[in-house]
Amino acid sequence: MNKDKRLAYWRANLRLVGLCLVIWFVCSFGFGVLFVEQLNSIRFAGFKLGFWFAQQGSIYIFVLLIFFYAWRMNRIDIEHDVHED
């Protein structure tokens, strides 16, 4: 694998990690802390939405991001021909 291909693979990996971190930050800190008052006017499963994100929602989002990262990283590996056979 030449240097350009390695850099493209690394950029794709960093872009994916950055995207996942931004989504997680927005869901955990943004929805659970910064926008909690606005979200508390909405009810979800009997709880105020801001409270739900602070207590459970961000954890669910994190678990979903783990599965999304693994799925997308497999696709990136295939695209850059570094996948396991």
PDB file of N, CA and C in Angstrom:
ATOM      1  N   MET A   1       0.852  -1.169   0.000  1.00  0.00           N
ATOM      2  CA  MET A   1       0.000   0.000   0.000  1.00  0.00           C
ATOM      3  C   MET A   1       0.907   1.244   0.000  1.00  0.00           C
ATOM      4  N   ASN A   2       0.700   2.107  -0.988  1.00  0.00           N
ATOM      5  CA  ASN A   2       1.562   3.277  -1.066  1.00  0.00           C
ATOM      6  C   ASN A   2       1.106   4.368  -0.094  1.00  0.00           C
ATOM      7  N   LYS A   3       1.908   5.417  -0.006  1.00  0.00           N
ATOM      8  CA  LYS A   3       1.675   6.473   0.982  1.00  0.00           C
ATOM      9  C   LYS A   3       0.349   7.196   0.758  1.00  0.00           C
ATOM     10  N   ASP A   4      -0.025   7.469  -0.489  1.00  0.00           N
ATOM     11  CA  ASP A   4      -1.281   8.171  -0.772  1.00  0.00           C
ATOM     12  C   ASP A   4      -2.495   7.358  -0.332  1.00  0.00           C
ATOM     13  N   LYS A   5      -2.447   6.052  -0.568  1.00  0.00           N
ATOM     14  CA  LYS A   5      -3.550   5.188  -0.159  1.00  0.00           C
ATOM     15  C   LYS A   5      -3.643   5.106   1.363  1.00  0.00           C
ATOM     16  N   ARG A   6      -2.488   5.045   2.031  1.00  0.00           N
ATOM     17  CA  ARG A   6      -2.494   5.015   3.492  1.00  0.00           C
ATOM     18  C   ARG A   6      -3.063   6.305   4.064  1.00  0.00           C
ATOM     19  N   LEU A   7      -2.688   7.437   3.473  1.00  0.00           N
ATOM     20  CA  LEU A   7      -3.214   8.725   3.944  1.00  0.00           C
ATOM     21  C   LEU A   7      -4.721   8.836   3.709  1.00  0.00           C
ATOM     22  N   ALA A   8      -5.186   8.347   2.578  1.00  0.00           N
ATOM     23  CA  ALA A   8      -6.631   8.379   2.290  1.00  0.00           C
ATOM     24  C   ALA A   8      -7.390   7.501   3.290  1.00  0.00           C
ATOM     25  N   TYR A   9      -6.843   6.346   3.588  1.00  0.00           N
ATOM     26  CA  TYR A   9      -7.460   5.449   4.566  1.00  0.00           C
ATOM     27  C   TYR A   9      -7.493   6.103   5.946  1.00  0.00           C
ATOM     28  N   TRP A  10      -6.381   6.710   6.345  1.00  0.00           N
ATOM     29  CA  TRP A  10      -6.292   7.356   7.642  1.00  0.00           C
ATOM     30  C   TRP A  10      -7.262   8.546   7.735  1.00  0.00           C
ATOM     31  N   ARG A  11      -7.370   9.316   6.654  1.00  0.00           N
ATOM     32  CA  ARG A  11      -8.311  10.444   6.625  1.00  0.00           C
ATOM     33  C   ARG A  11      -9.750   9.964   6.776  1.00  0.00           C
ATOM     34  N   ALA A  12     -10.092   8.888   6.096  1.00  0.00           N
ATOM     35  CA  ALA A  12     -11.441   8.333   6.198  1.00  0.00           C
ATOM     36  C   ALA A  12     -11.716   7.858   7.627  1.00  0.00           C
ATOM     37  N   ASN A  13     -10.724   7.244   8.234  1.00  0.00           N
ATOM     38  CA  ASN A  13     -10.856   6.780   9.609  1.00  0.00           C
ATOM     39  C   ASN A  13     -11.039   7.958  10.560  1.00  0.00           C
ATOM     40  N   LEU A  14     -10.224   8.980  10.430  1.00  0.00           N
ATOM     41  CA  LEU A  14     -10.333  10.154  11.295  1.00  0.00           C
ATOM     42  C   LEU A  14     -11.653  10.895  11.093  1.00  0.00           C
ATOM     43  N   ARG A  15     -12.114  10.964   9.864  1.00  0.00           N
ATOM     44  CA  ARG A  15     -13.395  11.600   9.580  1.00  0.00           C
ATOM     45  C   ARG A  15     -14.529  10.853  10.281  1.00  0.00           C
ATOM     46  N   LEU A  16     -14.486   9.542  10.233  1.00  0.00           N
ATOM     47  CA  LEU A  16     -15.504   8.727  10.888  1.00  0.00           C
ATOM     48  C   LEU A  16     -15.451   8.899  12.403  1.00  0.00           C
ATOM     49  N   VAL A  17     -14.269   8.858  12.980  1.00  0.00           N
ATOM     50  CA  VAL A  17     -14.127   9.047  14.424  1.00  0.00           C
ATOM     51  C   VAL A  17     -14.618  10.434  14.826  1.00  0.00           C
ATOM     52  N   GLY A  18     -14.243  11.454  14.052  1.00  0.00           N
ATOM     53  CA  GLY A  18     -14.693  12.815  14.339  1.00  0.00           C
ATOM     54  C   GLY A  18     -16.209  12.941  14.289  1.00  0.00           C
ATOM     55  N   LEU A  19     -16.820  12.342  13.286  1.00  0.00           N
ATOM     56  CA  LEU A  19     -18.279  12.370  13.166  1.00  0.00           C
ATOM     57  C   LEU A  19     -18.938  11.709  14.376  1.00  0.00           C
ATOM     58  N   CYS A  20     -18.436  10.549  14.765  1.00  0.00           N
ATOM     59  CA  CYS A  20     -19.004   9.847  15.918  1.00  0.00           C
ATOM     60  C   CYS A  20     -18.839  10.660  17.199  1.00  0.00           C
ATOM     61  N   LEU A  21     -17.695  11.292  17.374  1.00  0.00           N
ATOM     62  CA  LEU A  21     -17.472  12.109  18.570  1.00  0.00           C
ATOM     63  C   LEU A  21     -18.379  13.329  18.601  1.00  0.00           C
ATOM     64  N   VAL A  22     -18.594  13.958  17.455  1.00  0.00           N
ATOM     65  CA  VAL A  22     -19.490  15.115  17.396  1.00  0.00           C
ATOM     66  C   VAL A  22     -20.921  14.704  17.738  1.00  0.00           C
ATOM     67  N   ILE A  23     -21.376  13.598  17.168  1.00  0.00           N
ATOM     68  CA  ILE A  23     -22.737  13.119  17.459  1.00  0.00           C
ATOM     69  C   ILE A  23     -22.877  12.804  18.941  1.00  0.00           C
ATOM     70  N   TRP A  24     -21.889  12.122  19.504  1.00  0.00           N
ATOM     71  CA  TRP A  24     -21.939  11.767  20.913  1.00  0.00           C
ATOM     72  C   TRP A  24     -21.920  13.016  21.796  1.00  0.00           C
ATOM     73  N   PHE A  25     -21.085  13.991  21.457  1.00  0.00           N
ATOM     74  CA  PHE A  25     -21.008  15.228  22.222  1.00  0.00           C
ATOM     75  C   PHE A  25     -22.339  15.974  22.194  1.00  0.00           C
ATOM     76  N   VAL A  26     -22.922  16.090  21.012  1.00  0.00           N
ATOM     77  CA  VAL A  26     -24.194  16.799  20.885  1.00  0.00           C
ATOM     78  C   VAL A  26     -25.279  16.094  21.700  1.00  0.00           C
ATOM     79  N   CYS A  27     -25.316  14.773  21.628  1.00  0.00           N
ATOM     80  CA  CYS A  27     -26.354  14.029  22.352  1.00  0.00           C
ATOM     81  C   CYS A  27     -26.124  14.028  23.859  1.00  0.00           C
ATOM     82  N   SER A  28     -24.891  13.876  24.294  1.00  0.00           N
ATOM     83  CA  SER A  28     -24.653  13.795  25.737  1.00  0.00           C
ATOM     84  C   SER A  28     -24.570  15.171  26.384  1.00  0.00           C
ATOM     85  N   PHE A  29     -23.697  16.029  25.909  1.00  0.00           N
ATOM     86  CA  PHE A  29     -23.521  17.332  26.532  1.00  0.00           C
ATOM     87  C   PHE A  29     -24.566  18.332  26.051  1.00  0.00           C
ATOM     88  N   GLY A  30     -24.803  18.361  24.745  1.00  0.00           N
ATOM     89  CA  GLY A  30     -25.764  19.312  24.197  1.00  0.00           C
ATOM     90  C   GLY A  30     -27.176  19.057  24.679  1.00  0.00           C
ATOM     91  N   PHE A  31     -27.683  17.842  24.462  1.00  0.00           N
ATOM     92  CA  PHE A  31     -29.063  17.527  24.839  1.00  0.00           C
ATOM     93  C   PHE A  31     -29.224  17.329  26.349  1.00  0.00           C
ATOM     94  N   GLY A  32     -28.192  16.810  27.006  1.00  0.00           N
ATOM     95  CA  GLY A  32     -28.293  16.517  28.434  1.00  0.00           C
ATOM     96  C   GLY A  32     -27.959  17.682  29.336  1.00  0.00           C
ATOM     97  N   VAL A  33     -27.243  18.708  28.822  1.00  0.00           N
ATOM     98  CA  VAL A  33     -26.822  19.825  29.668  1.00  0.00           C
ATOM     99  C   VAL A  33     -27.229  21.171  29.079  1.00  0.00           C
ATOM    100  N   LEU A  34     -26.802  21.445  27.858  1.00  0.00           N
ATOM    101  CA  LEU A  34     -27.018  22.775  27.282  1.00  0.00           C
ATOM    102  C   LEU A  34     -28.473  23.058  26.923  1.00  0.00           C
ATOM    103  N   PHE A  35     -29.142  22.107  26.315  1.00  0.00           N
ATOM    104  CA  PHE A  35     -30.510  22.315  25.844  1.00  0.00           C
ATOM    105  C   PHE A  35     -31.543  21.590  26.703  1.00  0.00           C
ATOM    106  N   VAL A  36     -31.183  21.267  27.938  1.00  0.00           N
ATOM    107  CA  VAL A  36     -32.049  20.469  28.790  1.00  0.00           C
ATOM    108  C   VAL A  36     -33.371  21.178  29.078  1.00  0.00           C
ATOM    109  N   GLU A  37     -33.345  22.471  29.295  1.00  0.00           N
ATOM    110  CA  GLU A  37     -34.583  23.195  29.613  1.00  0.00           C
ATOM    111  C   GLU A  37     -35.561  23.178  28.435  1.00  0.00           C
ATOM    112  N   GLN A  38     -35.050  23.381  27.232  1.00  0.00           N
ATOM    113  CA  GLN A  38     -35.915  23.359  26.059  1.00  0.00           C
ATOM    114  C   GLN A  38     -36.473  21.953  25.817  1.00  0.00           C
ATOM    115  N   LEU A  39     -35.630  20.947  26.005  1.00  0.00           N
ATOM    116  CA  LEU A  39     -36.064  19.570  25.760  1.00  0.00           C
ATOM    117  C   LEU A  39     -37.002  19.056  26.845  1.00  0.00           C
ATOM    118  N   ASN A  40     -36.935  19.624  28.039  1.00  0.00           N
ATOM    119  CA  ASN A  40     -37.804  19.162  29.121  1.00  0.00           C
ATOM    120  C   ASN A  40     -39.271  19.477  28.867  1.00  0.00           C
ATOM    121  N   SER A  41     -39.553  20.340  27.911  1.00  0.00           N
ATOM    122  CA  SER A  41     -40.949  20.610  27.578  1.00  0.00           C
ATOM    123  C   SER A  41     -41.561  19.482  26.739  1.00  0.00           C
ATOM    124  N   ILE A  42     -40.743  18.551  26.294  1.00  0.00           N
ATOM    125  CA  ILE A  42     -41.184  17.397  25.498  1.00  0.00           C
ATOM    126  C   ILE A  42     -41.117  16.153  26.380  1.00  0.00           C
ATOM    127  N   ARG A  43     -42.130  15.332  26.321  1.00  0.00           N
ATOM    128  CA  ARG A  43     -42.152  14.077  27.085  1.00  0.00           C
ATOM    129  C   ARG A  43     -41.798  12.896  26.182  1.00  0.00           C
ATOM    130  N   PHE A  44     -41.000  11.972  26.721  1.00  0.00           N
ATOM    131  CA  PHE A  44     -40.619  10.747  26.005  1.00  0.00           C
ATOM    132  C   PHE A  44     -40.697   9.596  26.997  1.00  0.00           C
ATOM    133  N   ALA A  45     -41.537   8.628  26.728  1.00  0.00           N
ATOM    134  CA  ALA A  45     -41.722   7.450  27.584  1.00  0.00           C
ATOM    135  C   ALA A  45     -42.060   7.859  29.015  1.00  0.00           C
ATOM    136  N   GLY A  46     -42.795   8.953  29.153  1.00  0.00           N
ATOM    137  CA  GLY A  46     -43.210   9.406  30.475  1.00  0.00           C
ATOM    138  C   GLY A  46     -42.213  10.300  31.185  1.00  0.00           C
ATOM    139  N   PHE A  47     -41.055  10.527  30.591  1.00  0.00           N
ATOM    140  CA  PHE A  47     -40.025  11.363  31.206  1.00  0.00           C
ATOM    141  C   PHE A  47     -39.805  12.618  30.375  1.00  0.00           C
ATOM    142  N   LYS A  48     -39.290  13.646  31.013  1.00  0.00           N
ATOM    143  CA  LYS A  48     -38.907  14.838  30.275  1.00  0.00           C
ATOM    144  C   LYS A  48     -37.727  14.468  29.375  1.00  0.00           C
ATOM    145  N   LEU A  49     -37.743  14.931  28.139  1.00  0.00           N
ATOM    146  CA  LEU A  49     -36.742  14.499  27.154  1.00  0.00           C
ATOM    147  C   LEU A  49     -35.321  14.904  27.563  1.00  0.00           C
ATOM    148  N   GLY A  50     -35.149  16.093  28.117  1.00  0.00           N
ATOM    149  CA  GLY A  50     -33.817  16.509  28.573  1.00  0.00           C
ATOM    150  C   GLY A  50     -33.284  15.600  29.652  1.00  0.00           C
ATOM    151  N   PHE A  51     -34.131  15.240  30.606  1.00  0.00           N
ATOM    152  CA  PHE A  51     -33.741  14.306  31.661  1.00  0.00           C
ATOM    153  C   PHE A  51     -33.411  12.941  31.065  1.00  0.00           C
ATOM    154  N   TRP A  52     -34.237  12.493  30.121  1.00  0.00           N
ATOM    155  CA  TRP A  52     -34.012  11.182  29.503  1.00  0.00           C
ATOM    156  C   TRP A  52     -32.659  11.129  28.799  1.00  0.00           C
ATOM    157  N   PHE A  53     -32.320  12.188  28.038  1.00  0.00           N
ATOM    158  CA  PHE A  53     -31.018  12.214  27.363  1.00  0.00           C
ATOM    159  C   PHE A  53     -29.881  12.225  28.368  1.00  0.00           C
ATOM    160  N   ALA A  54     -30.034  12.978  29.443  1.00  0.00           N
ATOM    161  CA  ALA A  54     -28.972  13.046  30.443  1.00  0.00           C
ATOM    162  C   ALA A  54     -28.768  11.713  31.143  1.00  0.00           C
ATOM    163  N   GLN A  55     -29.845  10.953  31.355  1.00  0.00           N
ATOM    164  CA  GLN A  55     -29.743   9.714  32.118  1.00  0.00           C
ATOM    165  C   GLN A  55     -29.562   8.466  31.264  1.00  0.00           C
ATOM    166  N   GLN A  56     -30.267   8.378  30.137  1.00  0.00           N
ATOM    167  CA  GLN A  56     -30.245   7.144  29.358  1.00  0.00           C
ATOM    168  C   GLN A  56     -29.949   7.354  27.887  1.00  0.00           C
ATOM    169  N   GLY A  57     -30.474   8.409  27.327  1.00  0.00           N
ATOM    170  CA  GLY A  57     -30.382   8.615  25.882  1.00  0.00           C
ATOM    171  C   GLY A  57     -28.970   8.651  25.354  1.00  0.00           C
ATOM    172  N   SER A  58     -28.083   9.344  26.070  1.00  0.00           N
ATOM    173  CA  SER A  58     -26.710   9.437  25.584  1.00  0.00           C
ATOM    174  C   SER A  58     -26.010   8.078  25.621  1.00  0.00           C
ATOM    175  N   ILE A  59     -26.393   7.234  26.570  1.00  0.00           N
ATOM    176  CA  ILE A  59     -25.817   5.883  26.629  1.00  0.00           C
ATOM    177  C   ILE A  59     -26.296   5.051  25.436  1.00  0.00           C
ATOM    178  N   TYR A  60     -27.595   5.144  25.128  1.00  0.00           N
ATOM    179  CA  TYR A  60     -28.119   4.431  23.962  1.00  0.00           C
ATOM    180  C   TYR A  60     -27.461   4.915  22.673  1.00  0.00           C
ATOM    181  N   ILE A  61     -27.294   6.219  22.555  1.00  0.00           N
ATOM    182  CA  ILE A  61     -26.638   6.783  21.373  1.00  0.00           C
ATOM    183  C   ILE A  61     -25.206   6.270  21.275  1.00  0.00           C
ATOM    184  N   PHE A  62     -24.499   6.205  22.409  1.00  0.00           N
ATOM    185  CA  PHE A  62     -23.128   5.710  22.414  1.00  0.00           C
ATOM    186  C   PHE A  62     -23.061   4.266  21.925  1.00  0.00           C
ATOM    187  N   VAL A  63     -23.960   3.416  22.404  1.00  0.00           N
ATOM    188  CA  VAL A  63     -23.979   2.007  21.972  1.00  0.00           C
ATOM    189  C   VAL A  63     -24.285   1.911  20.476  1.00  0.00           C
ATOM    190  N   LEU A  64     -25.246   2.699  20.005  1.00  0.00           N
ATOM    191  CA  LEU A  64     -25.543   2.718  18.568  1.00  0.00           C
ATOM    192  C   LEU A  64     -24.348   3.195  17.754  1.00  0.00           C
ATOM    193  N   LEU A  65     -23.615   4.172  18.280  1.00  0.00           N
ATOM    194  CA  LEU A  65     -22.423   4.660  17.580  1.00  0.00           C
ATOM    195  C   LEU A  65     -21.339   3.593  17.495  1.00  0.00           C
ATOM    196  N   ILE A  66     -21.228   2.753  18.498  1.00  0.00           N
ATOM    197  CA  ILE A  66     -20.254   1.658  18.456  1.00  0.00           C
ATOM    198  C   ILE A  66     -20.569   0.726  17.294  1.00  0.00           C
ATOM    199  N   PHE A  67     -21.838   0.339  17.167  1.00  0.00           N
ATOM    200  CA  PHE A  67     -22.234  -0.540  16.068  1.00  0.00           C
ATOM    201  C   PHE A  67     -22.083   0.157  14.713  1.00  0.00           C
ATOM    202  N   PHE A  68     -22.447   1.437  14.652  1.00  0.00           N
ATOM    203  CA  PHE A  68     -22.287   2.198  13.413  1.00  0.00           C
ATOM    204  C   PHE A  68     -20.813   2.293  13.025  1.00  0.00           C
ATOM    205  N   TYR A  69     -19.942   2.573  14.003  1.00  0.00           N
ATOM    206  CA  TYR A  69     -18.508   2.679  13.721  1.00  0.00           C
ATOM    207  C   TYR A  69     -17.968   1.361  13.178  1.00  0.00           C
ATOM    208  N   ALA A  70     -18.326   0.251  13.809  1.00  0.00           N
ATOM    209  CA  ALA A  70     -17.832  -1.057  13.349  1.00  0.00           C
ATOM    210  C   ALA A  70     -18.320  -1.352  11.938  1.00  0.00           C
ATOM    211  N   TRP A  71     -19.602  -1.091  11.671  1.00  0.00           N
ATOM    212  CA  TRP A  71     -20.151  -1.330  10.331  1.00  0.00           C
ATOM    213  C   TRP A  71     -19.469  -0.446   9.298  1.00  0.00           C
ATOM    214  N   ARG A  72     -19.355   0.840   9.606  1.00  0.00           N
ATOM    215  CA  ARG A  72     -18.766   1.777   8.636  1.00  0.00           C
ATOM    216  C   ARG A  72     -17.273   1.518   8.455  1.00  0.00           C
ATOM    217  N   MET A  73     -16.578   1.149   9.513  1.00  0.00           N
ATOM    218  CA  MET A  73     -15.148   0.869   9.395  1.00  0.00           C
ATOM    219  C   MET A  73     -14.912  -0.355   8.522  1.00  0.00           C
ATOM    220  N   ASN A  74     -15.786  -1.350   8.603  1.00  0.00           N
ATOM    221  CA  ASN A  74     -15.681  -2.503   7.702  1.00  0.00           C
ATOM    222  C   ASN A  74     -15.826  -2.061   6.251  1.00  0.00           C
ATOM    223  N   ARG A  75     -16.763  -1.158   5.974  1.00  0.00           N
ATOM    224  CA  ARG A  75     -16.944  -0.621   4.616  1.00  0.00           C
ATOM    225  C   ARG A  75     -15.699   0.137   4.163  1.00  0.00           C
ATOM    226  N   ILE A  76     -15.134   0.939   5.052  1.00  0.00           N
ATOM    227  CA  ILE A  76     -13.920   1.701   4.702  1.00  0.00           C
ATOM    228  C   ILE A  76     -12.769   0.747   4.437  1.00  0.00           C
ATOM    229  N   ASP A  77     -12.638  -0.298   5.244  1.00  0.00           N
ATOM    230  CA  ASP A  77     -11.589  -1.295   5.015  1.00  0.00           C
ATOM    231  C   ASP A  77     -11.720  -1.924   3.636  1.00  0.00           C
ATOM    232  N   ILE A  78     -12.943  -2.252   3.243  1.00  0.00           N
ATOM    233  CA  ILE A  78     -13.174  -2.848   1.922  1.00  0.00           C
ATOM    234  C   ILE A  78     -12.854  -1.851   0.819  1.00  0.00           C
ATOM    235  N   GLU A  79     -13.293  -0.603   0.981  1.00  0.00           N
ATOM    236  CA  GLU A  79     -13.028   0.431  -0.025  1.00  0.00           C
ATOM    237  C   GLU A  79     -11.535   0.650  -0.247  1.00  0.00           C
ATOM    238  N   HIS A  80     -10.745   0.527   0.821  1.00  0.00           N
ATOM    239  CA  HIS A  80      -9.312   0.788   0.726  1.00  0.00           C
ATOM    240  C   HIS A  80      -8.493  -0.506   0.636  1.00  0.00           C
ATOM    241  N   ASP A  81      -9.193  -1.607   0.469  1.00  0.00           N
ATOM    242  CA  ASP A  81      -8.564  -2.926   0.267  1.00  0.00           C
ATOM    243  C   ASP A  81      -7.607  -3.293   1.412  1.00  0.00           C
ATOM    244  N   VAL A  82      -8.060  -3.084   2.639  1.00  0.00           N
ATOM    245  CA  VAL A  82      -7.273  -3.504   3.798  1.00  0.00           C
ATOM    246  C   VAL A  82      -8.089  -4.417   4.714  1.00  0.00           C
ATOM    247  N   HIS A  83      -9.181  -4.962   4.159  1.00  0.00           N
ATOM    248  CA  HIS A  83     -10.064  -5.818   4.942  1.00  0.00           C
ATOM    249  C   HIS A  83      -9.474  -7.189   5.139  1.00  0.00           C
ATOM    250  N   GLU A  84     -10.002  -7.867   6.164  1.00  0.00           N
ATOM    251  CA  GLU A  84      -9.590  -9.246   6.426  1.00  0.00           C
ATOM    252  C   GLU A  84     -10.423 -10.165   5.552  1.00  0.00           C
ATOM    253  N   ASP A  85      -9.819 -11.201   5.073  1.00  0.00           N
ATOM    254  CA  ASP A  85     -10.540 -12.157   4.214  1.00  0.00           C
ATOM    255  C   ASP A  85     -11.268 -13.183   5.010  1.00  0.00           C
TER     256      ASP A  85
END
